């Protein structure tokens, strides 16, 4: 679904993609049921619960992913600078 730096970060942080049909069905059902909040997938629901109740745990856990994202962005920026030169 994602390309470039986004795809690289997702791959390096082991992001799993939800099935698009399952996502569409969940959204459709949420609209039919007039739900005001929707979290798709079990890991996302757990993440939201932990983040709401124990935000410091999430902050600490995301430090590794932040570093990966920064590395990917820095590498992409350096590549674009080289190409422009």
PDB file of N, CA and C in Angstrom:
ATOM      1  N   UNK A   1       0.818  -1.186   0.000  1.00  0.00           N
ATOM      2  CA  UNK A   1       0.000   0.000   0.000  1.00  0.00           C
ATOM      3  C   UNK A   1       0.865   1.255   0.000  1.00  0.00           C
ATOM      4  N   UNK A   2       1.909   1.260   0.791  1.00  0.00           N
ATOM      5  CA  UNK A   2       2.801   2.412   0.840  1.00  0.00           C
ATOM      6  C   UNK A   2       4.017   2.159  -0.040  1.00  0.00           C
ATOM      7  N   UNK A   3       4.641   3.247  -0.480  1.00  0.00           N
ATOM      8  CA  UNK A   3       5.834   3.155  -1.304  1.00  0.00           C
ATOM      9  C   UNK A   3       6.903   4.063  -0.715  1.00  0.00           C
ATOM     10  N   UNK A   4       8.126   3.883  -1.188  1.00  0.00           N
ATOM     11  CA  UNK A   4       9.223   4.751  -0.776  1.00  0.00           C
ATOM     12  C   UNK A   4       9.578   4.625   0.690  1.00  0.00           C
ATOM     13  N   UNK A   5       9.815   5.774   1.326  1.00  0.00           N
ATOM     14  CA  UNK A   5      10.246   5.805   2.724  1.00  0.00           C
ATOM     15  C   UNK A   5       9.193   5.177   3.633  1.00  0.00           C
ATOM     16  N   UNK A   6       7.935   5.445   3.366  1.00  0.00           N
ATOM     17  CA  UNK A   6       6.869   4.869   4.207  1.00  0.00           C
ATOM     18  C   UNK A   6       6.917   3.344   4.173  1.00  0.00           C
ATOM     19  N   UNK A   7       7.091   2.787   2.990  1.00  0.00           N
ATOM     20  CA  UNK A   7       7.163   1.330   2.860  1.00  0.00           C
ATOM     21  C   UNK A   7       8.389   0.788   3.585  1.00  0.00           C
ATOM     22  N   UNK A   8       9.508   1.488   3.468  1.00  0.00           N
ATOM     23  CA  UNK A   8      10.726   1.048   4.145  1.00  0.00           C
ATOM     24  C   UNK A   8      10.548   1.052   5.660  1.00  0.00           C
ATOM     25  N   UNK A   9       9.986   2.126   6.196  1.00  0.00           N
ATOM     26  CA  UNK A   9       9.772   2.214   7.643  1.00  0.00           C
ATOM     27  C   UNK A   9       8.810   1.116   8.093  1.00  0.00           C
ATOM     28  N   UNK A  10       7.734   0.917   7.351  1.00  0.00           N
ATOM     29  CA  UNK A  10       6.781  -0.139   7.717  1.00  0.00           C
ATOM     30  C   UNK A  10       7.428  -1.512   7.703  1.00  0.00           C
ATOM     31  N   UNK A  11       8.271  -1.765   6.719  1.00  0.00           N
ATOM     32  CA  UNK A  11       8.947  -3.058   6.637  1.00  0.00           C
ATOM     33  C   UNK A  11       9.914  -3.234   7.813  1.00  0.00           C
ATOM     34  N   UNK A  12      10.698  -2.189   8.097  1.00  0.00           N
ATOM     35  CA  UNK A  12      11.687  -2.295   9.172  1.00  0.00           C
ATOM     36  C   UNK A  12      11.056  -2.359  10.555  1.00  0.00           C
ATOM     37  N   UNK A  13       9.858  -1.805  10.710  1.00  0.00           N
ATOM     38  CA  UNK A  13       9.178  -1.854  12.006  1.00  0.00           C
ATOM     39  C   UNK A  13       8.151  -2.982  12.062  1.00  0.00           C
ATOM     40  N   UNK A  14       8.139  -3.814  11.022  1.00  0.00           N
ATOM     41  CA  UNK A  14       7.296  -5.009  10.965  1.00  0.00           C
ATOM     42  C   UNK A  14       5.797  -4.697  11.070  1.00  0.00           C
ATOM     43  N   UNK A  15       5.368  -3.668  10.321  1.00  0.00           N
ATOM     44  CA  UNK A  15       3.952  -3.315  10.286  1.00  0.00           C
ATOM     45  C   UNK A  15       3.199  -4.371   9.496  1.00  0.00           C
ATOM     46  N   UNK A  16       2.070  -4.794  10.030  1.00  0.00           N
ATOM     47  CA  UNK A  16       1.189  -5.724   9.330  1.00  0.00           C
ATOM     48  C   UNK A  16       0.038  -4.935   8.723  1.00  0.00           C
ATOM     49  N   UNK A  17      -0.309  -5.260   7.501  1.00  0.00           N
ATOM     50  CA  UNK A  17      -1.413  -4.585   6.830  1.00  0.00           C
ATOM     51  C   UNK A  17      -2.695  -5.376   7.006  1.00  0.00           C
ATOM     52  N   UNK A  18      -3.790  -4.660   7.271  1.00  0.00           N
ATOM     53  CA  UNK A  18      -5.096  -5.295   7.347  1.00  0.00           C
ATOM     54  C   UNK A  18      -5.629  -5.519   5.937  1.00  0.00           C
ATOM     55  N   UNK A  19      -6.439  -6.554   5.780  1.00  0.00           N
ATOM     56  CA  UNK A  19      -7.058  -6.848   4.503  1.00  0.00           C
ATOM     57  C   UNK A  19      -7.997  -5.696   4.124  1.00  0.00           C
ATOM     58  N   UNK A  20      -7.824  -5.089   2.952  1.00  0.00           N
ATOM     59  CA  UNK A  20      -8.670  -3.948   2.559  1.00  0.00           C
ATOM     60  C   UNK A  20     -10.168  -4.253   2.582  1.00  0.00           C
ATOM     61  N   UNK A  21     -10.560  -5.472   2.196  1.00  0.00           N
ATOM     62  CA  UNK A  21     -11.987  -5.826   2.219  1.00  0.00           C
ATOM     63  C   UNK A  21     -12.518  -5.857   3.650  1.00  0.00           C
ATOM     64  N   UNK A  22     -11.715  -6.385   4.568  1.00  0.00           N
ATOM     65  CA  UNK A  22     -12.134  -6.431   5.978  1.00  0.00           C
ATOM     66  C   UNK A  22     -12.245  -5.028   6.552  1.00  0.00           C
ATOM     67  N   UNK A  23     -11.324  -4.150   6.168  1.00  0.00           N
ATOM     68  CA  UNK A  23     -11.356  -2.764   6.635  1.00  0.00           C
ATOM     69  C   UNK A  23     -12.609  -2.068   6.101  1.00  0.00           C
ATOM     70  N   UNK A  24     -12.875  -2.240   4.812  1.00  0.00           N
ATOM     71  CA  UNK A  24     -14.055  -1.615   4.211  1.00  0.00           C
ATOM     72  C   UNK A  24     -15.346  -2.103   4.876  1.00  0.00           C
ATOM     73  N   UNK A  25     -15.416  -3.394   5.142  1.00  0.00           N
ATOM     74  CA  UNK A  25     -16.597  -3.951   5.791  1.00  0.00           C
ATOM     75  C   UNK A  25     -16.764  -3.390   7.196  1.00  0.00           C
ATOM     76  N   UNK A  26     -15.663  -3.283   7.920  1.00  0.00           N
ATOM     77  CA  UNK A  26     -15.723  -2.733   9.289  1.00  0.00           C
ATOM     78  C   UNK A  26     -16.199  -1.288   9.265  1.00  0.00           C
ATOM     79  N   UNK A  27     -15.685  -0.500   8.334  1.00  0.00           N
ATOM     80  CA  UNK A  27     -16.096   0.902   8.215  1.00  0.00           C
ATOM     81  C   UNK A  27     -17.575   0.984   7.821  1.00  0.00           C
ATOM     82  N   UNK A  28     -17.988   0.163   6.864  1.00  0.00           N
ATOM     83  CA  UNK A  28     -19.383   0.131   6.430  1.00  0.00           C
ATOM     84  C   UNK A  28     -20.306  -0.166   7.610  1.00  0.00           C
ATOM     85  N   UNK A  29     -19.953  -1.178   8.391  1.00  0.00           N
ATOM     86  CA  UNK A  29     -20.770  -1.532   9.555  1.00  0.00           C
ATOM     87  C   UNK A  29     -20.780  -0.429  10.598  1.00  0.00           C
ATOM     88  N   UNK A  30     -19.656   0.246  10.762  1.00  0.00           N
ATOM     89  CA  UNK A  30     -19.593   1.353  11.716  1.00  0.00           C
ATOM     90  C   UNK A  30     -20.528   2.485  11.291  1.00  0.00           C
ATOM     91  N   UNK A  31     -20.576   2.747   9.991  1.00  0.00           N
ATOM     92  CA  UNK A  31     -21.485   3.781   9.488  1.00  0.00           C
ATOM     93  C   UNK A  31     -22.934   3.368   9.736  1.00  0.00           C
ATOM     94  N   UNK A  32     -23.262   2.117   9.408  1.00  0.00           N
ATOM     95  CA  UNK A  32     -24.627   1.635   9.622  1.00  0.00           C
ATOM     96  C   UNK A  32     -25.047   1.713  11.086  1.00  0.00           C
ATOM     97  N   UNK A  33     -24.088   1.467  11.988  1.00  0.00           N
ATOM     98  CA  UNK A  33     -24.379   1.470  13.421  1.00  0.00           C
ATOM     99  C   UNK A  33     -24.136   2.815  14.079  1.00  0.00           C
ATOM    100  N   UNK A  34     -23.812   3.833  13.279  1.00  0.00           N
ATOM    101  CA  UNK A  34     -23.561   5.191  13.774  1.00  0.00           C
ATOM    102  C   UNK A  34     -22.502   5.214  14.877  1.00  0.00           C
ATOM    103  N   UNK A  35     -21.473   4.406  14.708  1.00  0.00           N
ATOM    104  CA  UNK A  35     -20.378   4.391  15.674  1.00  0.00           C
ATOM    105  C   UNK A  35     -19.553   5.670  15.522  1.00  0.00           C
ATOM    106  N   UNK A  36     -19.137   6.241  16.636  1.00  0.00           N
ATOM    107  CA  UNK A  36     -18.349   7.475  16.578  1.00  0.00           C
ATOM    108  C   UNK A  36     -16.848   7.211  16.581  1.00  0.00           C
ATOM    109  N   UNK A  37     -16.442   6.029  17.017  1.00  0.00           N
ATOM    110  CA  UNK A  37     -15.027   5.657  17.012  1.00  0.00           C
ATOM    111  C   UNK A  37     -14.891   4.232  16.490  1.00  0.00           C
ATOM    112  N   UNK A  38     -13.867   4.025  15.657  1.00  0.00           N
ATOM    113  CA  UNK A  38     -13.623   2.695  15.108  1.00  0.00           C
ATOM    114  C   UNK A  38     -12.134   2.416  15.176  1.00  0.00           C
ATOM    115  N   UNK A  39     -11.797   1.279  15.726  1.00  0.00           N
ATOM    116  CA  UNK A  39     -10.408   0.810  15.724  1.00  0.00           C
ATOM    117  C   UNK A  39     -10.410  -0.526  15.014  1.00  0.00           C
ATOM    118  N   UNK A  40      -9.619  -0.617  13.975  1.00  0.00           N
ATOM    119  CA  UNK A  40      -9.632  -1.811  13.141  1.00  0.00           C
ATOM    120  C   UNK A  40      -8.462  -2.705  13.523  1.00  0.00           C
ATOM    121  N   UNK A  41      -8.754  -3.944  13.842  1.00  0.00           N
ATOM    122  CA  UNK A  41      -7.718  -4.912  14.183  1.00  0.00           C
ATOM    123  C   UNK A  41      -7.451  -4.976  15.670  1.00  0.00           C
ATOM    124  N   UNK A  42      -7.156  -6.167  16.144  1.00  0.00           N
ATOM    125  CA  UNK A  42      -6.903  -6.383  17.566  1.00  0.00           C
ATOM    126  C   UNK A  42      -5.683  -5.605  18.070  1.00  0.00           C
ATOM    127  N   UNK A  43      -4.541  -5.633  17.393  1.00  0.00           N
ATOM    128  CA  UNK A  43      -3.400  -4.897  17.943  1.00  0.00           C
ATOM    129  C   UNK A  43      -3.688  -3.407  18.112  1.00  0.00           C
ATOM    130  N   UNK A  44      -4.460  -2.833  17.193  1.00  0.00           N
ATOM    131  CA  UNK A  44      -4.783  -1.421  17.282  1.00  0.00           C
ATOM    132  C   UNK A  44      -5.681  -1.117  18.478  1.00  0.00           C
ATOM    133  N   UNK A  45      -6.624  -1.998  18.753  1.00  0.00           N
ATOM    134  CA  UNK A  45      -7.506  -1.795  19.911  1.00  0.00           C
ATOM    135  C   UNK A  45      -6.704  -1.886  21.203  1.00  0.00           C
ATOM    136  N   UNK A  46      -5.796  -2.851  21.275  1.00  0.00           N
ATOM    137  CA  UNK A  46      -4.956  -2.984  22.464  1.00  0.00           C
ATOM    138  C   UNK A  46      -4.042  -1.762  22.609  1.00  0.00           C
ATOM    139  N   UNK A  47      -3.438  -1.346  21.503  1.00  0.00           N
ATOM    140  CA  UNK A  47      -2.567  -0.170  21.512  1.00  0.00           C
ATOM    141  C   UNK A  47      -3.330   1.052  22.030  1.00  0.00           C
ATOM    142  N   UNK A  48      -4.545   1.265  21.528  1.00  0.00           N
ATOM    143  CA  UNK A  48      -5.340   2.422  21.951  1.00  0.00           C
ATOM    144  C   UNK A  48      -5.646   2.362  23.445  1.00  0.00           C
ATOM    145  N   UNK A  49      -5.970   1.180  23.952  1.00  0.00           N
ATOM    146  CA  UNK A  49      -6.259   1.030  25.379  1.00  0.00           C
ATOM    147  C   UNK A  49      -5.024   1.342  26.220  1.00  0.00           C
ATOM    148  N   UNK A  50      -3.895   0.753  25.840  1.00  0.00           N
ATOM    149  CA  UNK A  50      -2.660   0.985  26.601  1.00  0.00           C
ATOM    150  C   UNK A  50      -2.264   2.456  26.530  1.00  0.00           C
ATOM    151  N   UNK A  51      -2.358   3.041  25.352  1.00  0.00           N
ATOM    152  CA  UNK A  51      -1.967   4.444  25.195  1.00  0.00           C
ATOM    153  C   UNK A  51      -2.854   5.360  26.032  1.00  0.00           C
ATOM    154  N   UNK A  52      -4.149   5.059  26.102  1.00  0.00           N
ATOM    155  CA  UNK A  52      -5.065   5.881  26.896  1.00  0.00           C
ATOM    156  C   UNK A  52      -4.790   5.756  28.389  1.00  0.00           C
ATOM    157  N   UNK A  53      -4.369   4.581  28.825  1.00  0.00           N
ATOM    158  CA  UNK A  53      -4.206   4.336  30.255  1.00  0.00           C
ATOM    159  C   UNK A  53      -2.760   4.393  30.749  1.00  0.00           C
ATOM    160  N   UNK A  54      -1.817   4.097  29.879  1.00  0.00           N
ATOM    161  CA  UNK A  54      -0.402   4.063  30.258  1.00  0.00           C
ATOM    162  C   UNK A  54       0.453   4.682  29.148  1.00  0.00           C
ATOM    163  N   UNK A  55       0.285   5.976  28.869  1.00  0.00           N
ATOM    164  CA  UNK A  55       0.971   6.581  27.726  1.00  0.00           C
ATOM    165  C   UNK A  55       2.491   6.488  27.784  1.00  0.00           C
ATOM    166  N   UNK A  56       3.071   6.472  28.960  1.00  0.00           N
ATOM    167  CA  UNK A  56       4.538   6.401  29.036  1.00  0.00           C
ATOM    168  C   UNK A  56       5.065   5.063  28.509  1.00  0.00           C
ATOM    169  N   UNK A  57       4.295   3.995  28.671  1.00  0.00           N
ATOM    170  CA  UNK A  57       4.710   2.702  28.110  1.00  0.00           C
ATOM    171  C   UNK A  57       4.800   2.776  26.590  1.00  0.00           C
ATOM    172  N   UNK A  58       3.816   3.403  25.988  1.00  0.00           N
ATOM    173  CA  UNK A  58       3.811   3.540  24.532  1.00  0.00           C
ATOM    174  C   UNK A  58       4.969   4.432  24.080  1.00  0.00           C
ATOM    175  N   UNK A  59       5.178   5.528  24.787  1.00  0.00           N
ATOM    176  CA  UNK A  59       6.279   6.439  24.425  1.00  0.00           C
ATOM    177  C   UNK A  59       7.615   5.711  24.435  1.00  0.00           C
ATOM    178  N   UNK A  60       7.850   4.923  25.470  1.00  0.00           N
ATOM    179  CA  UNK A  60       9.108   4.174  25.554  1.00  0.00           C
ATOM    180  C   UNK A  60       9.198   3.123  24.451  1.00  0.00           C
ATOM    181  N   UNK A  61       8.080   2.456  24.192  1.00  0.00           N
ATOM    182  CA  UNK A  61       8.068   1.403  23.189  1.00  0.00           C
ATOM    183  C   UNK A  61       8.262   1.909  21.771  1.00  0.00           C
ATOM    184  N   UNK A  62       7.879   3.148  21.510  1.00  0.00           N
ATOM    185  CA  UNK A  62       7.991   3.692  20.159  1.00  0.00           C
ATOM    186  C   UNK A  62       9.348   4.329  19.863  1.00  0.00           C
ATOM    187  N   UNK A  63      10.220   4.414  20.844  1.00  0.00           N
ATOM    188  CA  UNK A  63      11.524   5.042  20.622  1.00  0.00           C
ATOM    189  C   UNK A  63      12.317   4.345  19.518  1.00  0.00           C
ATOM    190  N   UNK A  64      12.294   3.022  19.498  1.00  0.00           N
ATOM    191  CA  UNK A  64      13.016   2.283  18.468  1.00  0.00           C
ATOM    192  C   UNK A  64      12.448   2.603  17.091  1.00  0.00           C
ATOM    193  N   UNK A  65      11.115   2.631  16.988  1.00  0.00           N
ATOM    194  CA  UNK A  65      10.484   2.938  15.707  1.00  0.00           C
ATOM    195  C   UNK A  65      10.785   4.372  15.269  1.00  0.00           C
ATOM    196  N   UNK A  66      10.841   5.293  16.219  1.00  0.00           N
ATOM    197  CA  UNK A  66      11.171   6.687  15.899  1.00  0.00           C
ATOM    198  C   UNK A  66      12.553   6.766  15.293  1.00  0.00           C
ATOM    199  N   UNK A  67      13.491   6.049  15.880  1.00  0.00           N
ATOM    200  CA  UNK A  67      14.862   6.054  15.365  1.00  0.00           C
ATOM    201  C   UNK A  67      14.917   5.463  13.953  1.00  0.00           C
ATOM    202  N   UNK A  68      14.182   4.400  13.724  1.00  0.00           N
ATOM    203  CA  UNK A  68      14.135   3.791  12.392  1.00  0.00           C
ATOM    204  C   UNK A  68      13.570   4.793  11.387  1.00  0.00           C
ATOM    205  N   UNK A  69      12.500   5.471  11.761  1.00  0.00           N
ATOM    206  CA  UNK A  69      11.898   6.470  10.885  1.00  0.00           C
ATOM    207  C   UNK A  69      12.851   7.606  10.566  1.00  0.00           C
ATOM    208  N   UNK A  70      13.562   8.076  11.580  1.00  0.00           N
ATOM    209  CA  UNK A  70      14.528   9.159  11.358  1.00  0.00           C
ATOM    210  C   UNK A  70      15.657   8.713  10.437  1.00  0.00           C
ATOM    211  N   UNK A  71      16.137   7.480  10.622  1.00  0.00           N
ATOM    212  CA  UNK A  71      17.198   6.960   9.746  1.00  0.00           C
ATOM    213  C   UNK A  71      16.719   6.893   8.293  1.00  0.00           C
ATOM    214  N   UNK A  72      15.510   6.402   8.096  1.00  0.00           N
ATOM    215  CA  UNK A  72      14.971   6.282   6.737  1.00  0.00           C
ATOM    216  C   UNK A  72      14.783   7.652   6.102  1.00  0.00           C
ATOM    217  N   UNK A  73      14.275   8.611   6.867  1.00  0.00           N
ATOM    218  CA  UNK A  73      14.089   9.959   6.332  1.00  0.00           C
ATOM    219  C   UNK A  73      15.420  10.626   6.016  1.00  0.00           C
ATOM    220  N   UNK A  74      16.398  10.454   6.891  1.00  0.00           N
ATOM    221  CA  UNK A  74      17.725  11.034   6.642  1.00  0.00           C
ATOM    222  C   UNK A  74      18.360  10.438   5.392  1.00  0.00           C
ATOM    223  N   UNK A  75      18.239   9.127   5.216  1.00  0.00           N
ATOM    224  CA  UNK A  75      18.805   8.471   4.038  1.00  0.00           C
ATOM    225  C   UNK A  75      18.111   8.955   2.772  1.00  0.00           C
ATOM    226  N   UNK A  76      16.787   9.123   2.837  1.00  0.00           N
ATOM    227  CA  UNK A  76      16.036   9.603   1.680  1.00  0.00           C
ATOM    228  C   UNK A  76      16.425  11.041   1.344  1.00  0.00           C
ATOM    229  N   UNK A  77      16.593  11.864   2.353  1.00  0.00           N
ATOM    230  CA  UNK A  77      16.991  13.261   2.138  1.00  0.00           C
ATOM    231  C   UNK A  77      18.373  13.328   1.500  1.00  0.00           C
ATOM    232  N   UNK A  78      19.311  12.519   1.993  1.00  0.00           N
ATOM    233  CA  UNK A  78      20.665  12.493   1.432  1.00  0.00           C
ATOM    234  C   UNK A  78      20.638  12.027  -0.016  1.00  0.00           C
ATOM    235  N   UNK A  79      19.816  11.045  -0.319  1.00  0.00           N
ATOM    236  CA  UNK A  79      19.688  10.539  -1.687  1.00  0.00           C
ATOM    237  C   UNK A  79      19.166  11.641  -2.617  1.00  0.00           C
ATOM    238  N   UNK A  80      18.162  12.367  -2.177  1.00  0.00           N
ATOM    239  CA  UNK A  80      17.596  13.435  -3.002  1.00  0.00           C
ATOM    240  C   UNK A  80      18.594  14.568  -3.216  1.00  0.00           C
ATOM    241  N   UNK A  81      19.383  14.868  -2.200  1.00  0.00           N
ATOM    242  CA  UNK A  81      20.424  15.897  -2.349  1.00  0.00           C
ATOM    243  C   UNK A  81      21.473  15.479  -3.355  1.00  0.00           C
ATOM    244  N   UNK A  82      21.880  14.198  -3.310  1.00  0.00           N
ATOM    245  CA  UNK A  82      22.854  13.693  -4.279  1.00  0.00           C
ATOM    246  C   UNK A  82      22.312  13.748  -5.702  1.00  0.00           C
ATOM    247  N   UNK A  83      21.037  13.384  -5.847  1.00  0.00           N
ATOM    248  CA  UNK A  83      20.426  13.390  -7.170  1.00  0.00           C
ATOM    249  C   UNK A  83      20.285  14.813  -7.726  1.00  0.00           C
ATOM    250  N   UNK A  84      20.080  15.773  -6.843  1.00  0.00           N
ATOM    251  CA  UNK A  84      19.908  17.171  -7.274  1.00  0.00           C
ATOM    252  C   UNK A  84      21.237  17.818  -7.634  1.00  0.00           C
ATOM    253  N   UNK A  85      22.333  17.259  -7.133  1.00  0.00           N
ATOM    254  CA  UNK A  85      23.650  17.870  -7.368  1.00  0.00           C
ATOM    255  C   UNK A  85      24.202  17.561  -8.737  1.00  0.00           C
TER     256      UNK A  85
END
